[in-house]
């Protein structure tokens, strides 16, 4: 069996995430303590007690989701001697999950990753005033058609295919009016359903350019090592290990399409038959089944999940 470890993105957060891990394992408590210290913020208390409105803020959700993912990785190593570098062929993460993947693969330190994600979250939120941008999932639409719809809907504004998540699930992002036009166009073309996403900014489109500039500056200041296994990058859906190239891809990722469907297919084509999702929620494991039914996928977020996985 060849495995890849995958890491969730924004939208998987929920009040209470990581609490059971912290109660059960010192290794998890250490991760949450390190993140709190790096950010000079009691993020763990916010994760466990809410309120949800504060946890959902991009600048909190991004480092919080990364922290839960790292807690799972540390507990696997501590409890089961399960080390990513020996057990996985690749790592990949959805949007902010790419940072979680790099931290798990030893490319970035935990503290630096937390600080980078705080900067990233703030910069993304600041790039577009609240209420001026939107994202919508176009269901039943494949990526090429989604690109055509986005281009037609833009009409001088910004509208782009932001996430190619799975067959028939593409997210478009841009100015509110353009995204609404995209939804209307999809309906006019006979696609069954589109829905606005509950996000506070239009991620992965040209409106995020100021955030990309902020990340270029922040990433230039942070030491980065080659990951212990290749990262399959969102922007290219190809494996990468060179730190300079990874930096460039992380900057490009802020405005570029997340090519998640292609990333999963690339790993499958390279021999991966099992995906291990480390962190909150089960979104990526669900997408994996839609991308290829033959792929085994498991989500690890609770002590019971980890115990069952290590026994298997």
C-alpha atoms as a PDB file:
ATOM      1  CA  UNK A   1       0.000   0.000   0.000  1.00  0.00           C
ATOM      2  CA  UNK A   2       1.294   3.432  -0.951  1.00  0.00           C
ATOM      3  CA  UNK A   3      -0.082   6.318   1.085  1.00  0.00           C
ATOM      4  CA  UNK A   4      -0.272  10.092   0.824  1.00  0.00           C
ATOM      5  CA  UNK A   5      -1.094  12.381   3.723  1.00  0.00           C
ATOM      6  CA  UNK A   6      -3.518  15.202   2.964  1.00  0.00           C
ATOM      7  CA  UNK A   7      -4.483  18.288   4.959  1.00  0.00           C
ATOM      8  CA  UNK A   8      -7.827  20.149   4.996  1.00  0.00           C
ATOM      9  CA  UNK A   9      -8.478  23.767   4.152  1.00  0.00           C
ATOM     10  CA  UNK A  10     -10.761  26.497   5.409  1.00  0.00           C
ATOM     11  CA  UNK A  11     -14.367  25.502   5.994  1.00  0.00           C
ATOM     12  CA  UNK A  12     -13.470  22.389   7.992  1.00  0.00           C
ATOM     13  CA  UNK A  13     -13.230  24.328  11.259  1.00  0.00           C
ATOM     14  CA  UNK A  14     -15.712  23.719  14.092  1.00  0.00           C
ATOM     15  CA  UNK A  15     -15.777  24.794  17.726  1.00  0.00           C
ATOM     16  CA  UNK A  16     -14.373  21.931  19.813  1.00  0.00           C
ATOM     17  CA  UNK A  17     -11.917  20.692  17.193  1.00  0.00           C
ATOM     18  CA  UNK A  18      -8.759  19.270  18.719  1.00  0.00           C
ATOM     19  CA  UNK A  19     -10.109  19.250  22.279  1.00  0.00           C
ATOM     20  CA  UNK A  20     -10.287  15.453  22.559  1.00  0.00           C
ATOM     21  CA  UNK A  21      -6.745  15.151  21.204  1.00  0.00           C
ATOM     22  CA  UNK A  22      -5.481  17.613  23.815  1.00  0.00           C
ATOM     23  CA  UNK A  23      -7.300  15.784  26.611  1.00  0.00           C
ATOM     24  CA  UNK A  24      -5.897  12.422  25.531  1.00  0.00           C
ATOM     25  CA  UNK A  25      -2.326  13.147  24.437  1.00  0.00           C
ATOM     26  CA  UNK A  26       0.542  15.243  25.746  1.00  0.00           C
ATOM     27  CA  UNK A  27       1.949  15.425  22.191  1.00  0.00           C
ATOM     28  CA  UNK A  28      -1.217  17.215  21.065  1.00  0.00           C
ATOM     29  CA  UNK A  29      -1.161  19.558  24.071  1.00  0.00           C
ATOM     30  CA  UNK A  30       2.419  20.459  23.162  1.00  0.00           C
ATOM     31  CA  UNK A  31       1.371  21.424  19.621  1.00  0.00           C
ATOM     32  CA  UNK A  32      -1.474  23.657  20.795  1.00  0.00           C
ATOM     33  CA  UNK A  33       0.812  25.249  23.396  1.00  0.00           C
ATOM     34  CA  UNK A  34       3.491  25.966  20.785  1.00  0.00           C
ATOM     35  CA  UNK A  35       0.959  27.567  18.433  1.00  0.00           C
ATOM     36  CA  UNK A  36      -0.508  29.713  21.222  1.00  0.00           C
ATOM     37  CA  UNK A  37       2.999  30.827  22.153  1.00  0.00           C
ATOM     38  CA  UNK A  38       4.015  31.561  18.548  1.00  0.00           C
ATOM     39  CA  UNK A  39       0.929  33.723  17.998  1.00  0.00           C
ATOM     40  CA  UNK A  40       0.906  35.268  21.484  1.00  0.00           C
ATOM     41  CA  UNK A  41      -2.795  34.362  21.464  1.00  0.00           C
ATOM     42  CA  UNK A  42      -4.908  31.791  23.308  1.00  0.00           C
ATOM     43  CA  UNK A  43      -6.009  30.248  20.033  1.00  0.00           C
ATOM     44  CA  UNK A  44      -6.624  26.851  21.624  1.00  0.00           C
ATOM     45  CA  UNK A  45      -9.255  28.296  23.962  1.00  0.00           C
ATOM     46  CA  UNK A  46     -10.990  29.899  20.973  1.00  0.00           C
ATOM     47  CA  UNK A  47     -10.878  26.551  19.131  1.00  0.00           C
ATOM     48  CA  UNK A  48     -12.454  24.681  22.011  1.00  0.00           C
ATOM     49  CA  UNK A  49     -14.889  27.215  23.452  1.00  0.00           C
ATOM     50  CA  UNK A  50     -15.669  29.533  20.528  1.00  0.00           C
ATOM     51  CA  UNK A  51     -17.455  31.682  19.731  1.00  0.00           C
ATOM     52  CA  UNK A  52     -17.862  30.280  16.251  1.00  0.00           C
ATOM     53  CA  UNK A  53     -17.946  33.774  14.728  1.00  0.00           C
ATOM     54  CA  UNK A  54     -14.391  34.414  15.980  1.00  0.00           C
ATOM     55  CA  UNK A  55     -13.091  30.976  15.023  1.00  0.00           C
ATOM     56  CA  UNK A  56     -14.454  31.410  11.489  1.00  0.00           C
ATOM     57  CA  UNK A  57     -12.457  34.620  10.970  1.00  0.00           C
ATOM     58  CA  UNK A  58      -9.858  33.760   8.355  1.00  0.00           C
ATOM     59  CA  UNK A  59      -6.918  34.887  10.512  1.00  0.00           C
ATOM     60  CA  UNK A  60      -8.016  32.465  13.274  1.00  0.00           C
ATOM     61  CA  UNK A  61      -9.385  29.589  11.204  1.00  0.00           C
ATOM     62  CA  UNK A  62      -6.200  29.133   9.182  1.00  0.00           C
ATOM     63  CA  UNK A  63      -3.677  28.650  12.037  1.00  0.00           C
ATOM     64  CA  UNK A  64      -6.307  26.729  14.057  1.00  0.00           C
ATOM     65  CA  UNK A  65      -6.881  24.163  11.330  1.00  0.00           C
ATOM     66  CA  UNK A  66      -3.131  23.782  10.861  1.00  0.00           C
ATOM     67  CA  UNK A  67      -2.705  23.214  14.621  1.00  0.00           C
ATOM     68  CA  UNK A  68      -5.223  20.346  14.655  1.00  0.00           C
ATOM     69  CA  UNK A  69      -3.504  18.749  11.655  1.00  0.00           C
ATOM     70  CA  UNK A  70      -0.095  18.987  13.339  1.00  0.00           C
ATOM     71  CA  UNK A  71      -1.506  17.538  16.566  1.00  0.00           C
ATOM     72  CA  UNK A  72      -2.676  14.468  14.630  1.00  0.00           C
ATOM     73  CA  UNK A  73       0.740  14.079  12.962  1.00  0.00           C
ATOM     74  CA  UNK A  74       2.585  14.388  16.293  1.00  0.00           C
ATOM     75  CA  UNK A  75       0.267  11.923  18.043  1.00  0.00           C
ATOM     76  CA  UNK A  76       0.737   9.360  15.250  1.00  0.00           C
ATOM     77  CA  UNK A  77       4.506   9.596  15.718  1.00  0.00           C
ATOM     78  CA  UNK A  78       4.304   9.582  19.519  1.00  0.00           C
ATOM     79  CA  UNK A  79       1.729   6.815  19.981  1.00  0.00           C
ATOM     80  CA  UNK A  80       2.409   4.578  17.008  1.00  0.00           C
ATOM     81  CA  UNK A  81       5.933   5.416  15.869  1.00  0.00           C
ATOM     82  CA  UNK A  82       4.177   6.398  12.614  1.00  0.00           C
ATOM     83  CA  UNK A  83       6.466   8.878  10.909  1.00  0.00           C
ATOM     84  CA  UNK A  84       5.312  10.637   7.766  1.00  0.00           C
ATOM     85  CA  UNK A  85       8.733  10.462   6.104  1.00  0.00           C
ATOM     86  CA  UNK A  86       8.702   6.643   6.339  1.00  0.00           C
ATOM     87  CA  UNK A  87       5.009   5.980   5.795  1.00  0.00           C
ATOM     88  CA  UNK A  88       3.870   8.428   3.087  1.00  0.00           C
ATOM     89  CA  UNK A  89       4.948   8.907  -0.523  1.00  0.00           C
ATOM     90  CA  UNK A  90       3.541  12.460  -0.821  1.00  0.00           C
ATOM     91  CA  UNK A  91       1.902  15.246   1.125  1.00  0.00           C
ATOM     92  CA  UNK A  92      -0.717  17.655  -0.202  1.00  0.00           C
ATOM     93  CA  UNK A  93      -3.044  20.201   1.340  1.00  0.00           C
ATOM     94  CA  UNK A  94      -6.073  22.157   0.166  1.00  0.00           C
ATOM     95  CA  UNK A  95      -5.206  25.880   0.100  1.00  0.00           C
ATOM     96  CA  UNK A  96      -4.076  26.688   3.685  1.00  0.00           C
ATOM     97  CA  UNK A  97      -3.626  22.910   4.075  1.00  0.00           C
ATOM     98  CA  UNK A  98      -0.532  23.247   1.906  1.00  0.00           C
ATOM     99  CA  UNK A  99       1.130  25.005   4.861  1.00  0.00           C
ATOM    100  CA  UNK A 100       0.011  22.190   7.178  1.00  0.00           C
ATOM    101  CA  UNK A 101       1.533  19.696   4.736  1.00  0.00           C
ATOM    102  CA  UNK A 102       4.855  21.543   4.710  1.00  0.00           C
ATOM    103  CA  UNK A 103       4.953  21.751   8.509  1.00  0.00           C
ATOM    104  CA  UNK A 104       4.164  18.027   8.783  1.00  0.00           C
ATOM    105  CA  UNK A 105       6.909  17.219   6.255  1.00  0.00           C
ATOM    106  CA  UNK A 106       9.525  19.211   8.194  1.00  0.00           C
ATOM    107  CA  UNK A 107       9.823  22.011   5.635  1.00  0.00           C
ATOM    108  CA  UNK A 108       8.551  24.763   7.964  1.00  0.00           C
ATOM    109  CA  UNK A 109       8.720  24.966  11.754  1.00  0.00           C
ATOM    110  CA  UNK A 110       5.429  24.845  13.646  1.00  0.00           C
ATOM    111  CA  UNK A 111       5.850  28.386  14.998  1.00  0.00           C
ATOM    112  CA  UNK A 112       6.732  29.848  11.600  1.00  0.00           C
ATOM    113  CA  UNK A 113       3.771  28.070   9.988  1.00  0.00           C
ATOM    114  CA  UNK A 114       1.366  29.488  12.585  1.00  0.00           C
ATOM    115  CA  UNK A 115       2.711  33.004  12.100  1.00  0.00           C
ATOM    116  CA  UNK A 116       2.616  32.724   8.293  1.00  0.00           C
ATOM    117  CA  UNK A 117      -1.000  31.603   8.373  1.00  0.00           C
ATOM    118  CA  UNK A 118      -1.955  34.459  10.698  1.00  0.00           C
ATOM    119  CA  UNK A 119      -0.385  36.879   8.196  1.00  0.00           C
ATOM    120  CA  UNK A 120      -2.030  35.060   5.279  1.00  0.00           C
ATOM    121  CA  UNK A 121      -5.456  35.127   6.903  1.00  0.00           C
ATOM    122  CA  UNK A 122      -5.242  38.824   7.743  1.00  0.00           C
ATOM    123  CA  UNK A 123      -3.903  39.727   4.300  1.00  0.00           C
ATOM    124  CA  UNK A 124      -6.636  37.762   2.530  1.00  0.00           C
ATOM    125  CA  UNK A 125      -9.328  39.406   4.643  1.00  0.00           C
ATOM    126  CA  UNK A 126      -7.863  42.867   4.105  1.00  0.00           C
ATOM    127  CA  UNK A 127      -7.429  42.474   0.326  1.00  0.00           C
ATOM    128  CA  UNK A 128     -11.140  42.866  -0.396  1.00  0.00           C
ATOM    129  CA  UNK A 129     -13.591  44.817   1.792  1.00  0.00           C
ATOM    130  CA  UNK A 130     -16.304  42.622   3.327  1.00  0.00           C
ATOM    131  CA  UNK A 131     -19.327  42.395   1.056  1.00  0.00           C
ATOM    132  CA  UNK A 132     -17.458  43.129  -2.189  1.00  0.00           C
ATOM    133  CA  UNK A 133     -16.324  39.591  -2.982  1.00  0.00           C
ATOM    134  CA  UNK A 134     -18.008  36.189  -3.092  1.00  0.00           C
ATOM    135  CA  UNK A 135     -17.436  32.519  -3.862  1.00  0.00           C
ATOM    136  CA  UNK A 136     -19.941  30.009  -5.213  1.00  0.00           C
ATOM    137  CA  UNK A 137     -19.887  26.268  -5.839  1.00  0.00           C
ATOM    138  CA  UNK A 138     -21.120  25.305  -9.306  1.00  0.00           C
ATOM    139  CA  UNK A 139     -22.369  21.735  -8.963  1.00  0.00           C
ATOM    140  CA  UNK A 140     -22.396  19.404 -11.941  1.00  0.00           C
ATOM    141  CA  UNK A 141     -19.965  21.691 -13.782  1.00  0.00           C
ATOM    142  CA  UNK A 142     -16.562  20.441 -14.945  1.00  0.00           C
ATOM    143  CA  UNK A 143     -13.487  22.677 -14.841  1.00  0.00           C
ATOM    144  CA  UNK A 144     -13.371  23.702 -18.516  1.00  0.00           C
ATOM    145  CA  UNK A 145     -17.026  24.735 -18.531  1.00  0.00           C
ATOM    146  CA  UNK A 146     -16.529  26.543 -15.195  1.00  0.00           C
ATOM    147  CA  UNK A 147     -13.670  28.535 -16.725  1.00  0.00           C
ATOM    148  CA  UNK A 148     -15.862  29.495 -19.680  1.00  0.00           C
ATOM    149  CA  UNK A 149     -18.704  30.542 -17.374  1.00  0.00           C
ATOM    150  CA  UNK A 150     -16.341  32.578 -15.183  1.00  0.00           C
ATOM    151  CA  UNK A 151     -14.823  34.328 -18.200  1.00  0.00           C
ATOM    152  CA  UNK A 152     -18.247  35.201 -19.586  1.00  0.00           C
ATOM    153  CA  UNK A 153     -19.552  36.304 -16.176  1.00  0.00           C
ATOM    154  CA  UNK A 154     -16.587  38.576 -15.461  1.00  0.00           C
ATOM    155  CA  UNK A 155     -17.795  41.316 -17.852  1.00  0.00           C
ATOM    156  CA  UNK A 156     -14.938  43.627 -16.896  1.00  0.00           C
ATOM    157  CA  UNK A 157     -14.919  42.541 -13.236  1.00  0.00           C
ATOM    158  CA  UNK A 158     -13.077  39.593 -11.647  1.00  0.00           C
ATOM    159  CA  UNK A 159     -14.475  36.057 -11.804  1.00  0.00           C
ATOM    160  CA  UNK A 160     -12.303  32.950 -11.884  1.00  0.00           C
ATOM    161  CA  UNK A 161     -12.369  29.219 -11.234  1.00  0.00           C
ATOM    162  CA  UNK A 162     -10.908  29.108  -7.736  1.00  0.00           C
ATOM    163  CA  UNK A 163     -11.111  25.441  -6.714  1.00  0.00           C
ATOM    164  CA  UNK A 164     -11.309  22.381  -8.950  1.00  0.00           C
ATOM    165  CA  UNK A 165     -12.340  20.104  -6.097  1.00  0.00           C
ATOM    166  CA  UNK A 166     -13.794  17.001  -7.733  1.00  0.00           C
ATOM    167  CA  UNK A 167     -15.700  15.963 -10.835  1.00  0.00           C
ATOM    168  CA  UNK A 168     -18.764  18.209 -10.979  1.00  0.00           C
ATOM    169  CA  UNK A 169     -17.662  20.465  -8.138  1.00  0.00           C
ATOM    170  CA  UNK A 170     -15.892  23.673  -9.106  1.00  0.00           C
ATOM    171  CA  UNK A 171     -15.875  26.863  -7.026  1.00  0.00           C
ATOM    172  CA  UNK A 172     -15.786  30.290  -8.675  1.00  0.00           C
ATOM    173  CA  UNK A 173     -14.518  33.416  -6.947  1.00  0.00           C
ATOM    174  CA  UNK A 174     -14.597  37.141  -7.647  1.00  0.00           C
ATOM    175  CA  UNK A 175     -16.653  40.292  -7.218  1.00  0.00           C
ATOM    176  CA  UNK A 176     -20.187  39.722  -5.904  1.00  0.00           C
ATOM    177  CA  UNK A 177     -21.967  40.784  -9.095  1.00  0.00           C
ATOM    178  CA  UNK A 178     -19.702  38.652 -11.301  1.00  0.00           C
ATOM    179  CA  UNK A 179     -20.156  35.553  -9.123  1.00  0.00           C
ATOM    180  CA  UNK A 180     -23.942  36.064  -9.176  1.00  0.00           C
ATOM    181  CA  UNK A 181     -23.774  36.305 -12.983  1.00  0.00           C
ATOM    182  CA  UNK A 182     -21.792  33.037 -13.044  1.00  0.00           C
ATOM    183  CA  UNK A 183     -24.487  31.308 -11.007  1.00  0.00           C
ATOM    184  CA  UNK A 184     -27.186  32.614 -13.372  1.00  0.00           C
ATOM    185  CA  UNK A 185     -25.187  31.495 -16.415  1.00  0.00           C
ATOM    186  CA  UNK A 186     -24.700  28.013 -14.943  1.00  0.00           C
ATOM    187  CA  UNK A 187     -28.466  27.767 -14.386  1.00  0.00           C
ATOM    188  CA  UNK A 188     -29.151  28.991 -17.927  1.00  0.00           C
ATOM    189  CA  UNK A 189     -26.871  26.249 -19.250  1.00  0.00           C
ATOM    190  CA  UNK A 190     -28.924  23.628 -17.373  1.00  0.00           C
ATOM    191  CA  UNK A 191     -26.643  22.907 -14.409  1.00  0.00           C
ATOM    192  CA  UNK A 192     -28.747  21.774 -11.501  1.00  0.00           C
ATOM    193  CA  UNK A 193     -27.445  23.768  -8.586  1.00  0.00           C
ATOM    194  CA  UNK A 194     -25.118  26.569  -7.556  1.00  0.00           C
ATOM    195  CA  UNK A 195     -24.690  27.924  -4.058  1.00  0.00           C
ATOM    196  CA  UNK A 196     -22.941  30.877  -2.498  1.00  0.00           C
ATOM    197  CA  UNK A 197     -20.350  29.807   0.062  1.00  0.00           C
ATOM    198  CA  UNK A 198     -20.273  31.291   3.575  1.00  0.00           C
ATOM    199  CA  UNK A 199     -16.812  32.859   3.212  1.00  0.00           C
ATOM    200  CA  UNK A 200     -15.638  36.314   4.159  1.00  0.00           C
ATOM    201  CA  UNK A 201     -13.436  36.948   1.104  1.00  0.00           C
ATOM    202  CA  UNK A 202     -13.074  35.802  -2.542  1.00  0.00           C
ATOM    203  CA  UNK A 203     -10.066  33.472  -2.280  1.00  0.00           C
ATOM    204  CA  UNK A 204      -7.930  32.229  -5.184  1.00  0.00           C
ATOM    205  CA  UNK A 205      -8.658  34.950  -7.716  1.00  0.00           C
ATOM    206  CA  UNK A 206      -6.952  38.142  -8.917  1.00  0.00           C
ATOM    207  CA  UNK A 207      -8.648  40.215  -6.183  1.00  0.00           C
ATOM    208  CA  UNK A 208      -6.227  38.528  -3.751  1.00  0.00           C
ATOM    209  CA  UNK A 209      -3.152  40.145  -5.361  1.00  0.00           C
ATOM    210  CA  UNK A 210      -2.401  42.335  -2.282  1.00  0.00           C
ATOM    211  CA  UNK A 211      -2.414  39.187  -0.129  1.00  0.00           C
ATOM    212  CA  UNK A 212      -0.026  37.457  -2.537  1.00  0.00           C
ATOM    213  CA  UNK A 213       2.360  40.405  -2.213  1.00  0.00           C
ATOM    214  CA  UNK A 214       2.132  40.204   1.594  1.00  0.00           C
ATOM    215  CA  UNK A 215       2.921  36.477   1.500  1.00  0.00           C
ATOM    216  CA  UNK A 216       5.920  37.007  -0.812  1.00  0.00           C
ATOM    217  CA  UNK A 217       7.334  39.372   1.783  1.00  0.00           C
ATOM    218  CA  UNK A 218       6.549  37.098   4.747  1.00  0.00           C
ATOM    219  CA  UNK A 219       7.832  33.902   3.119  1.00  0.00           C
ATOM    220  CA  UNK A 220      11.112  35.571   2.167  1.00  0.00           C
ATOM    221  CA  UNK A 221      11.867  36.027   5.880  1.00  0.00           C
ATOM    222  CA  UNK A 222      11.236  32.420   6.942  1.00  0.00           C
ATOM    223  CA  UNK A 223      13.703  29.518   6.722  1.00  0.00           C
ATOM    224  CA  UNK A 224      12.429  26.594   4.668  1.00  0.00           C
ATOM    225  CA  UNK A 225      13.895  23.127   4.195  1.00  0.00           C
ATOM    226  CA  UNK A 226      13.110  20.522   1.562  1.00  0.00           C
ATOM    227  CA  UNK A 227      10.132  18.436   2.748  1.00  0.00           C
ATOM    228  CA  UNK A 228      10.924  14.835   3.729  1.00  0.00           C
ATOM    229  CA  UNK A 229       8.524  13.685   0.991  1.00  0.00           C
ATOM    230  CA  UNK A 230       7.429  15.644  -2.100  1.00  0.00           C
ATOM    231  CA  UNK A 231       4.593  18.161  -1.838  1.00  0.00           C
ATOM    232  CA  UNK A 232       2.000  17.971  -4.606  1.00  0.00           C
ATOM    233  CA  UNK A 233       1.429  21.681  -5.157  1.00  0.00           C
ATOM    234  CA  UNK A 234      -2.019  23.265  -5.545  1.00  0.00           C
ATOM    235  CA  UNK A 235      -0.889  25.533  -8.378  1.00  0.00           C
ATOM    236  CA  UNK A 236       0.735  22.901 -10.621  1.00  0.00           C
ATOM    237  CA  UNK A 237      -0.708  19.573  -9.384  1.00  0.00           C
ATOM    238  CA  UNK A 238       2.901  18.320  -9.598  1.00  0.00           C
ATOM    239  CA  UNK A 239       5.413  17.125  -6.963  1.00  0.00           C
ATOM    240  CA  UNK A 240       7.942  19.660  -5.691  1.00  0.00           C
ATOM    241  CA  UNK A 241      10.751  19.535  -3.114  1.00  0.00           C
ATOM    242  CA  UNK A 242      12.894  22.610  -3.850  1.00  0.00           C
ATOM    243  CA  UNK A 243      12.338  25.261  -1.133  1.00  0.00           C
ATOM    244  CA  UNK A 244      12.757  28.214  -3.536  1.00  0.00           C
ATOM    245  CA  UNK A 245      10.161  26.733  -5.879  1.00  0.00           C
ATOM    246  CA  UNK A 246       7.818  25.968  -2.973  1.00  0.00           C
ATOM    247  CA  UNK A 247       8.034  29.608  -1.838  1.00  0.00           C
ATOM    248  CA  UNK A 248       7.094  30.833  -5.316  1.00  0.00           C
ATOM    249  CA  UNK A 249       4.201  28.375  -5.509  1.00  0.00           C
ATOM    250  CA  UNK A 250       2.849  29.460  -2.102  1.00  0.00           C
ATOM    251  CA  UNK A 251       2.781  33.056  -3.333  1.00  0.00           C
ATOM    252  CA  UNK A 252       1.128  32.097  -6.634  1.00  0.00           C
ATOM    253  CA  UNK A 253      -1.390  29.921  -4.781  1.00  0.00           C
ATOM    254  CA  UNK A 254      -3.085  32.975  -3.214  1.00  0.00           C
ATOM    255  CA  UNK A 255      -4.505  34.067  -6.587  1.00  0.00           C
ATOM    256  CA  UNK A 256      -4.401  30.786  -8.553  1.00  0.00           C
ATOM    257  CA  UNK A 257      -6.810  27.868  -8.931  1.00  0.00           C
ATOM    258  CA  UNK A 258      -6.469  25.080  -6.349  1.00  0.00           C
ATOM    259  CA  UNK A 259      -6.075  22.070  -8.656  1.00  0.00           C
ATOM    260  CA  UNK A 260      -7.189  19.523  -6.079  1.00  0.00           C
ATOM    261  CA  UNK A 261      -8.838  16.992  -8.405  1.00  0.00           C
ATOM    262  CA  UNK A 262      -5.708  16.864 -10.559  1.00  0.00           C
ATOM    263  CA  UNK A 263      -3.466  16.628  -7.477  1.00  0.00           C
ATOM    264  CA  UNK A 264      -5.309  13.546  -6.230  1.00  0.00           C
ATOM    265  CA  UNK A 265      -5.197  11.964  -9.695  1.00  0.00           C
ATOM    266  CA  UNK A 266      -1.448  12.690  -9.947  1.00  0.00           C
ATOM    267  CA  UNK A 267      -0.818  10.888  -6.643  1.00  0.00           C
ATOM    268  CA  UNK A 268      -2.980   7.977  -7.768  1.00  0.00           C
ATOM    269  CA  UNK A 269      -1.094   7.774 -11.070  1.00  0.00           C
ATOM    270  CA  UNK A 270       2.180   7.690  -9.089  1.00  0.00           C
ATOM    271  CA  UNK A 271       0.966   4.591  -7.239  1.00  0.00           C
ATOM    272  CA  UNK A 272      -0.855   6.021  -4.216  1.00  0.00           C
ATOM    273  CA  UNK A 273      -3.888   3.917  -3.306  1.00  0.00           C
ATOM    274  CA  UNK A 274      -4.645   5.296   0.166  1.00  0.00           C
ATOM    275  CA  UNK A 275      -5.133   8.853   1.430  1.00  0.00           C
ATOM    276  CA  UNK A 276      -4.847   9.814   5.102  1.00  0.00           C
ATOM    277  CA  UNK A 277      -6.582  13.111   5.945  1.00  0.00           C
ATOM    278  CA  UNK A 278      -5.039  14.600   9.080  1.00  0.00           C
ATOM    279  CA  UNK A 279      -7.093  17.230  10.877  1.00  0.00           C
ATOM    280  CA  UNK A 280     -10.578  18.649  11.275  1.00  0.00           C
ATOM    281  CA  UNK A 281     -13.514  17.435   9.211  1.00  0.00           C
ATOM    282  CA  UNK A 282     -13.787  14.810   6.501  1.00  0.00           C
ATOM    283  CA  UNK A 283     -14.069  17.016   3.422  1.00  0.00           C
ATOM    284  CA  UNK A 284     -11.008  15.748   1.564  1.00  0.00           C
ATOM    285  CA  UNK A 285     -11.743  12.074   2.208  1.00  0.00           C
ATOM    286  CA  UNK A 286     -15.201  12.695   0.742  1.00  0.00           C
ATOM    287  CA  UNK A 287     -13.763  14.434  -2.321  1.00  0.00           C
ATOM    288  CA  UNK A 288     -11.310  11.562  -2.831  1.00  0.00           C
ATOM    289  CA  UNK A 289     -14.195   9.130  -3.245  1.00  0.00           C
ATOM    290  CA  UNK A 290     -15.766  11.393  -5.859  1.00  0.00           C
ATOM    291  CA  UNK A 291     -12.452  11.696  -7.732  1.00  0.00           C
ATOM    292  CA  UNK A 292     -11.741   7.940  -7.760  1.00  0.00           C
ATOM    293  CA  UNK A 293     -13.947   5.370  -6.020  1.00  0.00           C
ATOM    294  CA  UNK A 294     -11.041   2.933  -5.856  1.00  0.00           C
ATOM    295  CA  UNK A 295      -8.997   5.194  -3.595  1.00  0.00           C
ATOM    296  CA  UNK A 296      -9.096   4.318   0.085  1.00  0.00           C
ATOM    297  CA  UNK A 297      -9.421   7.433   2.259  1.00  0.00           C
ATOM    298  CA  UNK A 298      -9.518   7.838   6.023  1.00  0.00           C
ATOM    299  CA  UNK A 299      -9.936  10.961   8.171  1.00  0.00           C
ATOM    300  CA  UNK A 300      -8.028  11.239  11.453  1.00  0.00           C
ATOM    301  CA  UNK A 301      -9.295  13.866  13.893  1.00  0.00           C
ATOM    302  CA  UNK A 302     -10.113  12.125  17.194  1.00  0.00           C
ATOM    303  CA  UNK A 303      -8.244   9.752  19.538  1.00  0.00           C
ATOM    304  CA  UNK A 304     -10.574   6.953  18.404  1.00  0.00           C
ATOM    305  CA  UNK A 305      -9.729   7.633  14.738  1.00  0.00           C
ATOM    306  CA  UNK A 306      -6.020   7.476  15.492  1.00  0.00           C
ATOM    307  CA  UNK A 307      -6.295   4.339  17.616  1.00  0.00           C
ATOM    308  CA  UNK A 308      -8.260   2.550  14.919  1.00  0.00           C
ATOM    309  CA  UNK A 309      -5.805   3.665  12.212  1.00  0.00           C
ATOM    310  CA  UNK A 310      -2.727   2.558  14.147  1.00  0.00           C
ATOM    311  CA  UNK A 311      -4.298  -0.853  14.857  1.00  0.00           C
ATOM    312  CA  UNK A 312      -5.038  -1.298  11.155  1.00  0.00           C
END
